[in-house]
Each structure stands twice: as C-alpha cells, then as structure tokens.
Amino acid sequence: MNHLMSYLPFLIPVAVIELALAVMALVHVLRHNTYRFGNRIFWVIVVLVLEIIGPILYFTIGRGDE
C-alpha cells in the first residue's frame, strides 16, 4: 500500500489526462461523419478499448478533414 501512495502524485494526472483525451475523442467521433480510416463504430471501439493509445491514434490518423 505504501508503494501505491508514493506513485499517487503521478497516477492522478495520468488518469485525468487519459479520461480527458477519451472524452474529447469520443465526442469528436460521435459528432463528425468523415474519417481518414475506418468508420464510426471502429473508432468508438478503438477509443474506449485502447485507453490512452486509442484517442491518440484517433487524433493522429483517424480524424478526417473538417
């Protein structure tokens, strides 16, 4: 338990960043219809299942031109 408490100052910001990225990516996926690669269902699954990597993948290779 002591080890967890020592990592807590690092884990809280990482969890907040991951949650914010996932919410932003999910909102963007649901509001837009064009993607460079894949479709809406694919990107929702990627964003939700791959946690921190999924939103980063969406914003780098999946988001279509506005």
PDB file of N, CA and C in Angstrom:
ATOM      1  N   MET A   1       0.824  -1.199   0.000  1.00  0.00           N
ATOM      2  CA  MET A   1       0.000   0.000   0.000  1.00  0.00           C
ATOM      3  C   MET A   1       0.861   1.252   0.000  1.00  0.00           C
ATOM      4  N   ASN A   2       2.001   1.188   0.666  1.00  0.00           N
ATOM      5  CA  ASN A   2       2.900   2.335   0.716  1.00  0.00           C
ATOM      6  C   ASN A   2       3.430   2.678  -0.672  1.00  0.00           C
ATOM      7  N   HIS A   3       3.692   1.647  -1.472  1.00  0.00           N
ATOM      8  CA  HIS A   3       4.193   1.888  -2.827  1.00  0.00           C
ATOM      9  C   HIS A   3       3.156   2.614  -3.673  1.00  0.00           C
ATOM     10  N   LEU A   4       1.909   2.236  -3.519  1.00  0.00           N
ATOM     11  CA  LEU A   4       0.845   2.896  -4.264  1.00  0.00           C
ATOM     12  C   LEU A   4       0.737   4.362  -3.880  1.00  0.00           C
ATOM     13  N   MET A   5       0.840   4.649  -2.628  1.00  0.00           N
ATOM     14  CA  MET A   5       0.745   6.032  -2.159  1.00  0.00           C
ATOM     15  C   MET A   5       1.909   6.874  -2.680  1.00  0.00           C
ATOM     16  N   SER A   6       3.063   6.272  -2.871  1.00  0.00           N
ATOM     17  CA  SER A   6       4.202   7.031  -3.380  1.00  0.00           C
ATOM     18  C   SER A   6       4.034   7.362  -4.866  1.00  0.00           C
ATOM     19  N   TYR A   7       3.292   6.531  -5.600  1.00  0.00           N
ATOM     20  CA  TYR A   7       3.049   6.781  -7.016  1.00  0.00           C
ATOM     21  C   TYR A   7       1.788   7.595  -7.278  1.00  0.00           C
ATOM     22  N   LEU A   8       1.001   7.855  -6.275  1.00  0.00           N
ATOM     23  CA  LEU A   8      -0.264   8.547  -6.438  1.00  0.00           C
ATOM     24  C   LEU A   8      -0.128   9.931  -7.081  1.00  0.00           C
ATOM     25  N   PRO A   9       0.869  10.751  -6.723  1.00  0.00           N
ATOM     26  CA  PRO A   9       1.005  12.049  -7.402  1.00  0.00           C
ATOM     27  C   PRO A   9       1.261  11.927  -8.903  1.00  0.00           C
ATOM     28  N   PHE A  10       1.785  10.819  -9.350  1.00  0.00           N
ATOM     29  CA  PHE A  10       1.994  10.590 -10.774  1.00  0.00           C
ATOM     30  C   PHE A  10       0.754   9.985 -11.429  1.00  0.00           C
ATOM     31  N   LEU A  11       0.069   9.091 -10.733  1.00  0.00           N
ATOM     32  CA  LEU A  11      -1.059   8.374 -11.312  1.00  0.00           C
ATOM     33  C   LEU A  11      -2.300   9.239 -11.501  1.00  0.00           C
ATOM     34  N   ILE A  12      -2.553  10.169 -10.609  1.00  0.00           N
ATOM     35  CA  ILE A  12      -3.747  11.004 -10.718  1.00  0.00           C
ATOM     36  C   ILE A  12      -3.721  11.866 -11.980  1.00  0.00           C
ATOM     37  N   PRO A  13      -2.643  12.603 -12.266  1.00  0.00           N
ATOM     38  CA  PRO A  13      -2.633  13.382 -13.518  1.00  0.00           C
ATOM     39  C   PRO A  13      -2.718  12.517 -14.774  1.00  0.00           C
ATOM     40  N   VAL A  14      -2.093  11.353 -14.767  1.00  0.00           N
ATOM     41  CA  VAL A  14      -2.170  10.458 -15.920  1.00  0.00           C
ATOM     42  C   VAL A  14      -3.604   9.989 -16.126  1.00  0.00           C
ATOM     43  N   ALA A  15      -4.303   9.662 -15.063  1.00  0.00           N
ATOM     44  CA  ALA A  15      -5.693   9.224 -15.167  1.00  0.00           C
ATOM     45  C   ALA A  15      -6.591  10.354 -15.665  1.00  0.00           C
ATOM     46  N   VAL A  16      -6.350  11.574 -15.202  1.00  0.00           N
ATOM     47  CA  VAL A  16      -7.148  12.718 -15.638  1.00  0.00           C
ATOM     48  C   VAL A  16      -6.903  13.010 -17.115  1.00  0.00           C
ATOM     49  N   ILE A  17      -5.654  12.958 -17.550  1.00  0.00           N
ATOM     50  CA  ILE A  17      -5.315  13.190 -18.955  1.00  0.00           C
ATOM     51  C   ILE A  17      -5.940  12.109 -19.831  1.00  0.00           C
ATOM     52  N   GLU A  18      -5.864  10.860 -19.403  1.00  0.00           N
ATOM     53  CA  GLU A  18      -6.442   9.760 -20.170  1.00  0.00           C
ATOM     54  C   GLU A  18      -7.948   9.919 -20.305  1.00  0.00           C
ATOM     55  N   LEU A  19      -8.612  10.279 -19.227  1.00  0.00           N
ATOM     56  CA  LEU A  19     -10.057  10.465 -19.257  1.00  0.00           C
ATOM     57  C   LEU A  19     -10.449  11.644 -20.158  1.00  0.00           C
ATOM     58  N   ALA A  20      -9.706  12.740 -20.062  1.00  0.00           N
ATOM     59  CA  ALA A  20      -9.999  13.910 -20.898  1.00  0.00           C
ATOM     60  C   ALA A  20      -9.795  13.598 -22.377  1.00  0.00           C
ATOM     61  N   LEU A  21      -8.714  12.910 -22.710  1.00  0.00           N
ATOM     62  CA  LEU A  21      -8.470  12.529 -24.107  1.00  0.00           C
ATOM     63  C   LEU A  21      -9.565  11.605 -24.625  1.00  0.00           C
ATOM     64  N   ALA A  22      -9.976  10.642 -23.821  1.00  0.00           N
ATOM     65  CA  ALA A  22     -11.005   9.704 -24.247  1.00  0.00           C
ATOM     66  C   ALA A  22     -12.335  10.418 -24.475  1.00  0.00           C
ATOM     67  N   VAL A  23     -12.698  11.324 -23.581  1.00  0.00           N
ATOM     68  CA  VAL A  23     -13.960  12.056 -23.731  1.00  0.00           C
ATOM     69  C   VAL A  23     -13.916  12.951 -24.963  1.00  0.00           C
ATOM     70  N   MET A  24     -12.812  13.686 -25.149  1.00  0.00           N
ATOM     71  CA  MET A  24     -12.701  14.557 -26.323  1.00  0.00           C
ATOM     72  C   MET A  24     -12.755  13.758 -27.623  1.00  0.00           C
ATOM     73  N   ALA A  25     -12.049  12.637 -27.670  1.00  0.00           N
ATOM     74  CA  ALA A  25     -12.049  11.817 -28.879  1.00  0.00           C
ATOM     75  C   ALA A  25     -13.422  11.205 -29.132  1.00  0.00           C
ATOM     76  N   LEU A  26     -14.069  10.734 -28.087  1.00  0.00           N
ATOM     77  CA  LEU A  26     -15.392  10.134 -28.254  1.00  0.00           C
ATOM     78  C   LEU A  26     -16.412  11.160 -28.717  1.00  0.00           C
ATOM     79  N   VAL A  27     -16.376  12.343 -28.175  1.00  0.00           N
ATOM     80  CA  VAL A  27     -17.285  13.412 -28.610  1.00  0.00           C
ATOM     81  C   VAL A  27     -17.021  13.752 -30.072  1.00  0.00           C
ATOM     82  N   HIS A  28     -15.764  13.841 -30.455  1.00  0.00           N
ATOM     83  CA  HIS A  28     -15.426  14.160 -31.840  1.00  0.00           C
ATOM     84  C   HIS A  28     -15.876  13.056 -32.784  1.00  0.00           C
ATOM     85  N   VAL A  29     -15.669  11.802 -32.392  1.00  0.00           N
ATOM     86  CA  VAL A  29     -16.100  10.681 -33.233  1.00  0.00           C
ATOM     87  C   VAL A  29     -17.605  10.716 -33.441  1.00  0.00           C
ATOM     88  N   LEU A  30     -18.348  10.992 -32.387  1.00  0.00           N
ATOM     89  CA  LEU A  30     -19.808  10.953 -32.482  1.00  0.00           C
ATOM     90  C   LEU A  30     -20.390  12.156 -33.218  1.00  0.00           C
ATOM     91  N   ARG A  31     -19.684  13.275 -33.261  1.00  0.00           N
ATOM     92  CA  ARG A  31     -20.200  14.477 -33.925  1.00  0.00           C
ATOM     93  C   ARG A  31     -19.844  14.572 -35.401  1.00  0.00           C
ATOM     94  N   HIS A  32     -18.805  13.884 -35.842  1.00  0.00           N
ATOM     95  CA  HIS A  32     -18.348  14.016 -37.223  1.00  0.00           C
ATOM     96  C   HIS A  32     -18.569  12.722 -37.993  1.00  0.00           C
ATOM     97  N   ASN A  33     -18.756  12.869 -39.293  1.00  0.00           N
ATOM     98  CA  ASN A  33     -19.042  11.715 -40.143  1.00  0.00           C
ATOM     99  C   ASN A  33     -17.885  11.288 -41.023  1.00  0.00           C
ATOM    100  N   THR A  34     -16.854  12.100 -41.139  1.00  0.00           N
ATOM    101  CA  THR A  34     -15.753  11.760 -42.042  1.00  0.00           C
ATOM    102  C   THR A  34     -14.521  11.360 -41.246  1.00  0.00           C
ATOM    103  N   TYR A  35     -13.896  10.289 -41.694  1.00  0.00           N
ATOM    104  CA  TYR A  35     -12.685   9.770 -41.065  1.00  0.00           C
ATOM    105  C   TYR A  35     -11.703   9.419 -42.173  1.00  0.00           C
ATOM    106  N   ARG A  36     -10.426   9.543 -41.895  1.00  0.00           N
ATOM    107  CA  ARG A  36      -9.423   9.162 -42.893  1.00  0.00           C
ATOM    108  C   ARG A  36      -9.377   7.652 -43.070  1.00  0.00           C
ATOM    109  N   PHE A  37      -9.670   6.944 -41.989  1.00  0.00           N
ATOM    110  CA  PHE A  37      -9.538   5.495 -41.974  1.00  0.00           C
ATOM    111  C   PHE A  37     -10.618   4.926 -41.064  1.00  0.00           C
ATOM    112  N   GLY A  38     -11.325   3.921 -41.503  1.00  0.00           N
ATOM    113  CA  GLY A  38     -12.317   3.267 -40.665  1.00  0.00           C
ATOM    114  C   GLY A  38     -13.656   3.983 -40.660  1.00  0.00           C
ATOM    115  N   ASN A  39     -14.525   3.536 -39.755  1.00  0.00           N
ATOM    116  CA  ASN A  39     -15.842   4.137 -39.622  1.00  0.00           C
ATOM    117  C   ASN A  39     -16.106   4.480 -38.153  1.00  0.00           C
ATOM    118  N   ARG A  40     -17.298   4.973 -37.889  1.00  0.00           N
ATOM    119  CA  ARG A  40     -17.635   5.448 -36.543  1.00  0.00           C
ATOM    120  C   ARG A  40     -17.546   4.335 -35.503  1.00  0.00           C
ATOM    121  N   ILE A  41     -18.095   3.177 -35.784  1.00  0.00           N
ATOM    122  CA  ILE A  41     -18.084   2.072 -34.818  1.00  0.00           C
ATOM    123  C   ILE A  41     -16.660   1.647 -34.508  1.00  0.00           C
ATOM    124  N   PHE A  42     -15.831   1.552 -35.541  1.00  0.00           N
ATOM    125  CA  PHE A  42     -14.429   1.186 -35.349  1.00  0.00           C
ATOM    126  C   PHE A  42     -13.735   2.160 -34.407  1.00  0.00           C
ATOM    127  N   TRP A  43     -13.917   3.469 -34.610  1.00  0.00           N
ATOM    128  CA  TRP A  43     -13.216   4.455 -33.799  1.00  0.00           C
ATOM    129  C   TRP A  43     -13.757   4.533 -32.376  1.00  0.00           C
ATOM    130  N   VAL A  44     -15.039   4.290 -32.189  1.00  0.00           N
ATOM    131  CA  VAL A  44     -15.577   4.246 -30.821  1.00  0.00           C
ATOM    132  C   VAL A  44     -14.940   3.089 -30.051  1.00  0.00           C
ATOM    133  N   ILE A  45     -14.830   1.947 -30.699  1.00  0.00           N
ATOM    134  CA  ILE A  45     -14.208   0.788 -30.047  1.00  0.00           C
ATOM    135  C   ILE A  45     -12.743   1.058 -29.755  1.00  0.00           C
ATOM    136  N   VAL A  46     -12.017   1.613 -30.709  1.00  0.00           N
ATOM    137  CA  VAL A  46     -10.590   1.910 -30.506  1.00  0.00           C
ATOM    138  C   VAL A  46     -10.401   2.900 -29.355  1.00  0.00           C
ATOM    139  N   VAL A  47     -11.187   3.955 -29.318  1.00  0.00           N
ATOM    140  CA  VAL A  47     -11.048   4.978 -28.281  1.00  0.00           C
ATOM    141  C   VAL A  47     -11.354   4.401 -26.906  1.00  0.00           C
ATOM    142  N   LEU A  48     -12.363   3.574 -26.802  1.00  0.00           N
ATOM    143  CA  LEU A  48     -12.763   3.060 -25.494  1.00  0.00           C
ATOM    144  C   LEU A  48     -11.915   1.879 -25.021  1.00  0.00           C
ATOM    145  N   VAL A  49     -11.474   1.031 -25.932  1.00  0.00           N
ATOM    146  CA  VAL A  49     -10.753  -0.175 -25.528  1.00  0.00           C
ATOM    147  C   VAL A  49      -9.260   0.076 -25.328  1.00  0.00           C
ATOM    148  N   LEU A  50      -8.660   0.875 -26.169  1.00  0.00           N
ATOM    149  CA  LEU A  50      -7.215   1.072 -26.095  1.00  0.00           C
ATOM    150  C   LEU A  50      -6.796   2.181 -25.134  1.00  0.00           C
ATOM    151  N   GLU A  51      -7.719   2.702 -24.375  1.00  0.00           N
ATOM    152  CA  GLU A  51      -7.495   3.696 -23.339  1.00  0.00           C
ATOM    153  C   GLU A  51      -6.654   4.870 -23.820  1.00  0.00           C
ATOM    154  N   ILE A  52      -5.427   5.040 -23.371  1.00  0.00           N
ATOM    155  CA  ILE A  52      -4.669   6.258 -23.687  1.00  0.00           C
ATOM    156  C   ILE A  52      -4.137   6.244 -25.124  1.00  0.00           C
ATOM    157  N   ILE A  53      -3.907   5.076 -25.681  1.00  0.00           N
ATOM    158  CA  ILE A  53      -3.377   4.992 -27.043  1.00  0.00           C
ATOM    159  C   ILE A  53      -4.488   5.218 -28.079  1.00  0.00           C
ATOM    160  N   GLY A  54      -5.699   4.778 -27.790  1.00  0.00           N
ATOM    161  CA  GLY A  54      -6.820   4.917 -28.719  1.00  0.00           C
ATOM    162  C   GLY A  54      -7.124   6.351 -29.106  1.00  0.00           C
ATOM    163  N   PRO A  55      -7.311   7.258 -28.133  1.00  0.00           N
ATOM    164  CA  PRO A  55      -7.554   8.656 -28.508  1.00  0.00           C
ATOM    165  C   PRO A  55      -6.392   9.288 -29.263  1.00  0.00           C
ATOM    166  N   ILE A  56      -5.180   8.928 -28.902  1.00  0.00           N
ATOM    167  CA  ILE A  56      -4.017   9.471 -29.605  1.00  0.00           C
ATOM    168  C   ILE A  56      -4.013   8.979 -31.053  1.00  0.00           C
ATOM    169  N   LEU A  57      -4.326   7.693 -31.253  1.00  0.00           N
ATOM    170  CA  LEU A  57      -4.425   7.166 -32.618  1.00  0.00           C
ATOM    171  C   LEU A  57      -5.516   7.870 -33.403  1.00  0.00           C
ATOM    172  N   TYR A  58      -6.650   8.103 -32.771  1.00  0.00           N
ATOM    173  CA  TYR A  58      -7.743   8.770 -33.474  1.00  0.00           C
ATOM    174  C   TYR A  58      -7.340  10.174 -33.905  1.00  0.00           C
ATOM    175  N   PHE A  59      -6.759  10.942 -33.003  1.00  0.00           N
ATOM    176  CA  PHE A  59      -6.411  12.320 -33.341  1.00  0.00           C
ATOM    177  C   PHE A  59      -5.249  12.403 -34.331  1.00  0.00           C
ATOM    178  N   THR A  60      -4.396  11.386 -34.399  1.00  0.00           N
ATOM    179  CA  THR A  60      -3.271  11.452 -35.332  1.00  0.00           C
ATOM    180  C   THR A  60      -3.595  10.854 -36.699  1.00  0.00           C
ATOM    181  N   ILE A  61      -4.280   9.696 -36.741  1.00  0.00           N
ATOM    182  CA  ILE A  61      -4.508   9.067 -38.047  1.00  0.00           C
ATOM    183  C   ILE A  61      -5.967   8.897 -38.425  1.00  0.00           C
ATOM    184  N   GLY A  62      -6.890   9.057 -37.504  1.00  0.00           N
ATOM    185  CA  GLY A  62      -8.281   8.762 -37.813  1.00  0.00           C
ATOM    186  C   GLY A  62      -9.147   9.953 -38.138  1.00  0.00           C
ATOM    187  N   ARG A  63      -8.837  11.083 -37.547  1.00  0.00           N
ATOM    188  CA  ARG A  63      -9.702  12.251 -37.725  1.00  0.00           C
ATOM    189  C   ARG A  63      -9.627  12.746 -39.156  1.00  0.00           C
ATOM    190  N   GLY A  64     -10.782  12.898 -39.770  1.00  0.00           N
ATOM    191  CA  GLY A  64     -10.853  13.350 -41.152  1.00  0.00           C
ATOM    192  C   GLY A  64     -10.745  14.867 -41.255  1.00  0.00           C
ATOM    193  N   ASP A  65     -10.626  15.323 -42.481  1.00  0.00           N
ATOM    194  CA  ASP A  65     -10.565  16.765 -42.729  1.00  0.00           C
ATOM    195  C   ASP A  65     -11.928  17.380 -42.481  1.00  0.00           C
ATOM    196  N   GLU A  66     -11.921  18.495 -41.830  1.00  0.00           N
ATOM    197  CA  GLU A  66     -13.185  19.160 -41.477  1.00  0.00           C
ATOM    198  C   GLU A  66     -13.771  19.857 -42.664  1.00  0.00           C
TER     199      GLU A  66
END
